[in-house]
Amino acid sequence: MTIERDQIALPTMILTDFALRQLNLMYLHDFTLKDKVLRIEVSGKDCDGFRFDIGFTTTRSDDFLLPIELEEMGRVHVALSPFASFYLQKFTLDYVQGHDEEGFVLQSDDFKNFGGKFWRAKPSLIPPQKTEQRKLKKDEN
């Protein structure tokens, strides 16, 4: 599915202080992150909703880029694909560090809207597709 990027609003991200400090440390001490962005990507879906992967990659031409100002490293970005951006319109990026889990985590009040087969009840929750693809699907029928 090719998504109509221009019809998706830029997501709003809240970054916790701890996540900000961790990002600053990572960019400061890991030379392999130079010219990389922190990507949030939908990795799958189950009955409870979407699953997300968070990791460092290069940018893609259709990414939504959310800027972050790091104390020592300057501006870096969080990248989201159009698909992830459509479903993550407002979210908090946090970092957890404990015995069982360590890494970036997402929190959003919207997650409760995407459990099960939500698109059947609300077709408005299907990302807008590019016109060419919609036309091709109509022609196939």
C-alpha atoms as a PDB file:
ATOM      1  CA  MET A   1       0.000   0.000   0.000  1.00  0.00           C
ATOM      2  CA  THR A   2       1.397   3.386  -0.995  1.00  0.00           C
ATOM      3  CA  ILE A   3       0.162   6.060   1.364  1.00  0.00           C
ATOM      4  CA  GLU A   4      -0.717   9.615   0.354  1.00  0.00           C
ATOM      5  CA  ARG A   5       1.828  11.337   2.591  1.00  0.00           C
ATOM      6  CA  ASP A   6       0.465  14.837   1.925  1.00  0.00           C
ATOM      7  CA  GLN A   7      -2.826  13.918   3.597  1.00  0.00           C
ATOM      8  CA  ILE A   8      -1.202  12.996   6.908  1.00  0.00           C
ATOM      9  CA  ALA A   9      -0.517  15.583   9.593  1.00  0.00           C
ATOM     10  CA  LEU A  10       2.928  15.851  11.158  1.00  0.00           C
ATOM     11  CA  PRO A  11       2.863  13.811  14.395  1.00  0.00           C
ATOM     12  CA  THR A  12       3.332  15.424  17.792  1.00  0.00           C
ATOM     13  CA  MET A  13       5.978  13.824  19.989  1.00  0.00           C
ATOM     14  CA  ILE A  14       6.593  14.373  23.679  1.00  0.00           C
ATOM     15  CA  LEU A  15      10.060  13.284  24.738  1.00  0.00           C
ATOM     16  CA  THR A  16      10.673  12.465  28.395  1.00  0.00           C
ATOM     17  CA  ASP A  17      13.749  13.909  30.090  1.00  0.00           C
ATOM     18  CA  PHE A  18      15.187  10.442  30.582  1.00  0.00           C
ATOM     19  CA  ALA A  19      14.768   9.551  26.894  1.00  0.00           C
ATOM     20  CA  LEU A  20      16.409  12.846  25.947  1.00  0.00           C
ATOM     21  CA  ARG A  21      19.402  12.156  28.204  1.00  0.00           C
ATOM     22  CA  GLN A  22      19.753   8.617  26.837  1.00  0.00           C
ATOM     23  CA  LEU A  23      19.633   9.861  23.241  1.00  0.00           C
ATOM     24  CA  ASN A  24      22.290  12.450  24.007  1.00  0.00           C
ATOM     25  CA  LEU A  25      24.546   9.763  25.530  1.00  0.00           C
ATOM     26  CA  MET A  26      24.027   7.427  22.588  1.00  0.00           C
ATOM     27  CA  TYR A  27      24.837  10.036  19.947  1.00  0.00           C
ATOM     28  CA  LEU A  28      27.768  11.351  21.987  1.00  0.00           C
ATOM     29  CA  HIS A  29      29.456   7.990  22.554  1.00  0.00           C
ATOM     30  CA  ASP A  30      28.514   5.877  19.524  1.00  0.00           C
ATOM     31  CA  PHE A  31      30.263   7.084  16.367  1.00  0.00           C
ATOM     32  CA  THR A  32      28.168   4.675  14.230  1.00  0.00           C
ATOM     33  CA  LEU A  33      25.104   6.875  14.845  1.00  0.00           C
ATOM     34  CA  LYS A  34      26.547   9.809  12.915  1.00  0.00           C
ATOM     35  CA  ASP A  35      24.042  10.749  10.183  1.00  0.00           C
ATOM     36  CA  LYS A  36      21.460   8.304  11.577  1.00  0.00           C
ATOM     37  CA  VAL A  37      17.936   8.952  12.828  1.00  0.00           C
ATOM     38  CA  LEU A  38      15.960   7.184  15.507  1.00  0.00           C
ATOM     39  CA  ARG A  39      13.252   5.367  13.517  1.00  0.00           C
ATOM     40  CA  ILE A  40       9.862   4.344  14.875  1.00  0.00           C
ATOM     41  CA  GLU A  41       8.280   1.733  12.634  1.00  0.00           C
ATOM     42  CA  VAL A  42       5.172  -0.425  12.832  1.00  0.00           C
ATOM     43  CA  SER A  43       6.493  -3.981  13.027  1.00  0.00           C
ATOM     44  CA  GLY A  44       3.217  -5.853  13.220  1.00  0.00           C
ATOM     45  CA  LYS A  45      -0.264  -5.998  14.675  1.00  0.00           C
ATOM     46  CA  ASP A  46      -2.040  -8.313  17.055  1.00  0.00           C
ATOM     47  CA  CYS A  47      -5.374  -8.259  18.890  1.00  0.00           C
ATOM     48  CA  ASP A  48      -4.169  -5.573  21.304  1.00  0.00           C
ATOM     49  CA  GLY A  49      -2.994  -3.248  18.530  1.00  0.00           C
ATOM     50  CA  PHE A  50       0.200  -2.379  16.731  1.00  0.00           C
ATOM     51  CA  ARG A  51       3.715  -3.421  17.697  1.00  0.00           C
ATOM     52  CA  PHE A  52       6.551  -0.970  17.076  1.00  0.00           C
ATOM     53  CA  ASP A  53      10.274  -1.285  16.474  1.00  0.00           C
ATOM     54  CA  ILE A  54      12.533   1.574  17.506  1.00  0.00           C
ATOM     55  CA  GLY A  55      16.117   1.756  16.284  1.00  0.00           C
ATOM     56  CA  PHE A  56      18.683   3.783  14.384  1.00  0.00           C
ATOM     57  CA  THR A  57      18.678   3.924  10.571  1.00  0.00           C
ATOM     58  CA  THR A  58      19.196   6.300   7.692  1.00  0.00           C
ATOM     59  CA  THR A  59      16.391   8.533   6.447  1.00  0.00           C
ATOM     60  CA  ARG A  60      14.004   7.653   3.623  1.00  0.00           C
ATOM     61  CA  SER A  61      12.570  10.083   1.113  1.00  0.00           C
ATOM     62  CA  ASP A  62       9.005   9.862   2.448  1.00  0.00           C
ATOM     63  CA  ASP A  63       9.873  10.066   6.178  1.00  0.00           C
ATOM     64  CA  PHE A  64       8.273  12.455   8.610  1.00  0.00           C
ATOM     65  CA  LEU A  65      11.175  13.926  10.596  1.00  0.00           C
ATOM     66  CA  LEU A  66      10.623  15.184  14.130  1.00  0.00           C
ATOM     67  CA  PRO A  67      13.541  17.319  15.357  1.00  0.00           C
ATOM     68  CA  ILE A  68      15.183  16.909  18.761  1.00  0.00           C
ATOM     69  CA  GLU A  69      17.750  19.324  20.138  1.00  0.00           C
ATOM     70  CA  LEU A  70      20.411  17.464  22.096  1.00  0.00           C
ATOM     71  CA  GLU A  71      22.469  19.332  24.645  1.00  0.00           C
ATOM     72  CA  GLU A  72      25.865  18.292  23.315  1.00  0.00           C
ATOM     73  CA  MET A  73      25.186  16.911  19.842  1.00  0.00           C
ATOM     74  CA  GLY A  74      22.815  19.493  18.400  1.00  0.00           C
ATOM     75  CA  ARG A  75      19.813  18.587  16.260  1.00  0.00           C
ATOM     76  CA  VAL A  76      18.914  14.980  15.526  1.00  0.00           C
ATOM     77  CA  HIS A  77      15.645  13.523  14.251  1.00  0.00           C
ATOM     78  CA  VAL A  78      13.079  10.862  14.961  1.00  0.00           C
ATOM     79  CA  ALA A  79      11.836   9.382  11.665  1.00  0.00           C
ATOM     80  CA  LEU A  80       8.426   7.850  11.023  1.00  0.00           C
ATOM     81  CA  SER A  81       7.091   6.344   7.820  1.00  0.00           C
ATOM     82  CA  PRO A  82       3.769   7.705   6.556  1.00  0.00           C
ATOM     83  CA  PHE A  83       2.038   4.555   7.849  1.00  0.00           C
ATOM     84  CA  ALA A  84       3.507   4.926  11.355  1.00  0.00           C
ATOM     85  CA  SER A  85       2.790   8.672  11.292  1.00  0.00           C
ATOM     86  CA  PHE A  86      -0.863   8.063  10.475  1.00  0.00           C
ATOM     87  CA  TYR A  87      -1.289   5.890  13.587  1.00  0.00           C
ATOM     88  CA  LEU A  88       1.059   7.823  15.896  1.00  0.00           C
ATOM     89  CA  GLN A  89      -0.378  11.311  15.666  1.00  0.00           C
ATOM     90  CA  LYS A  90       0.373  12.108  19.317  1.00  0.00           C
ATOM     91  CA  PHE A  91       2.736  10.014  21.393  1.00  0.00           C
ATOM     92  CA  THR A  92       5.308  10.040  24.158  1.00  0.00           C
ATOM     93  CA  LEU A  93       8.763   8.574  23.624  1.00  0.00           C
ATOM     94  CA  ASP A  94      10.296   7.333  26.856  1.00  0.00           C
ATOM     95  CA  TYR A  95      13.263   5.220  27.830  1.00  0.00           C
ATOM     96  CA  VAL A  96      13.009   2.427  30.385  1.00  0.00           C
ATOM     97  CA  GLN A  97      15.912   0.886  32.203  1.00  0.00           C
ATOM     98  CA  GLY A  98      15.327  -2.034  34.522  1.00  0.00           C
ATOM     99  CA  HIS A  99      16.070  -5.678  35.192  1.00  0.00           C
ATOM    100  CA  ASP A 100      13.614  -7.037  32.623  1.00  0.00           C
ATOM    101  CA  GLU A 101      13.622  -4.362  29.956  1.00  0.00           C
ATOM    102  CA  GLU A 102      15.803  -1.602  28.594  1.00  0.00           C
ATOM    103  CA  GLY A 103      15.171   0.650  25.633  1.00  0.00           C
ATOM    104  CA  PHE A 104      12.838   3.162  24.080  1.00  0.00           C
ATOM    105  CA  VAL A 105       9.093   2.705  24.555  1.00  0.00           C
ATOM    106  CA  LEU A 106       6.041   4.469  23.162  1.00  0.00           C
ATOM    107  CA  GLN A 107       2.957   5.616  25.000  1.00  0.00           C
ATOM    108  CA  SER A 108      -0.187   6.980  23.386  1.00  0.00           C
ATOM    109  CA  ASP A 109      -3.819   7.292  24.395  1.00  0.00           C
ATOM    110  CA  ASP A 110      -4.661   6.387  20.780  1.00  0.00           C
ATOM    111  CA  PHE A 111      -3.347   2.824  21.114  1.00  0.00           C
ATOM    112  CA  LYS A 112      -6.698   1.676  22.538  1.00  0.00           C
ATOM    113  CA  ASN A 113      -8.367   2.608  19.212  1.00  0.00           C
ATOM    114  CA  PHE A 114      -6.346   0.123  17.144  1.00  0.00           C
ATOM    115  CA  GLY A 115      -7.126  -3.249  18.724  1.00  0.00           C
ATOM    116  CA  GLY A 116      -8.733  -6.081  16.787  1.00  0.00           C
ATOM    117  CA  LYS A 117     -10.051  -5.318  13.302  1.00  0.00           C
ATOM    118  CA  PHE A 118     -10.699  -1.653  14.067  1.00  0.00           C
ATOM    119  CA  TRP A 119     -10.850  -0.618  10.382  1.00  0.00           C
ATOM    120  CA  ARG A 120     -14.079  -2.573   9.859  1.00  0.00           C
ATOM    121  CA  ALA A 121     -15.953  -0.364  12.321  1.00  0.00           C
ATOM    122  CA  LYS A 122     -14.137   2.830  11.320  1.00  0.00           C
ATOM    123  CA  PRO A 123     -12.919   2.949   7.705  1.00  0.00           C
ATOM    124  CA  SER A 124     -11.636   6.472   8.461  1.00  0.00           C
ATOM    125  CA  LEU A 125      -8.815   4.750  10.354  1.00  0.00           C
ATOM    126  CA  ILE A 126      -7.369   3.367   7.113  1.00  0.00           C
ATOM    127  CA  PRO A 127      -4.484   5.514   5.826  1.00  0.00           C
ATOM    128  CA  PRO A 128      -5.215   7.474   2.631  1.00  0.00           C
ATOM    129  CA  GLN A 129      -3.819   5.693  -0.420  1.00  0.00           C
ATOM    130  CA  LYS A 130      -2.317   7.277  -3.495  1.00  0.00           C
ATOM    131  CA  THR A 131      -4.862   7.990  -6.216  1.00  0.00           C
ATOM    132  CA  GLU A 132      -3.144   5.797  -8.822  1.00  0.00           C
ATOM    133  CA  GLN A 133      -3.492   2.730  -6.614  1.00  0.00           C
ATOM    134  CA  ARG A 134      -7.149   3.390  -5.851  1.00  0.00           C
ATOM    135  CA  LYS A 135      -7.828   3.746  -9.579  1.00  0.00           C
ATOM    136  CA  LEU A 136      -6.027   0.475 -10.344  1.00  0.00           C
ATOM    137  CA  LYS A 137      -8.063  -1.384  -7.724  1.00  0.00           C
ATOM    138  CA  LYS A 138     -11.330  -0.023  -9.192  1.00  0.00           C
ATOM    139  CA  ASP A 139     -10.243  -1.078 -12.702  1.00  0.00           C
ATOM    140  CA  GLU A 140      -9.487  -4.618 -11.499  1.00  0.00           C
ATOM    141  CA  ASN A 141     -13.059  -5.110 -10.235  1.00  0.00           C
END
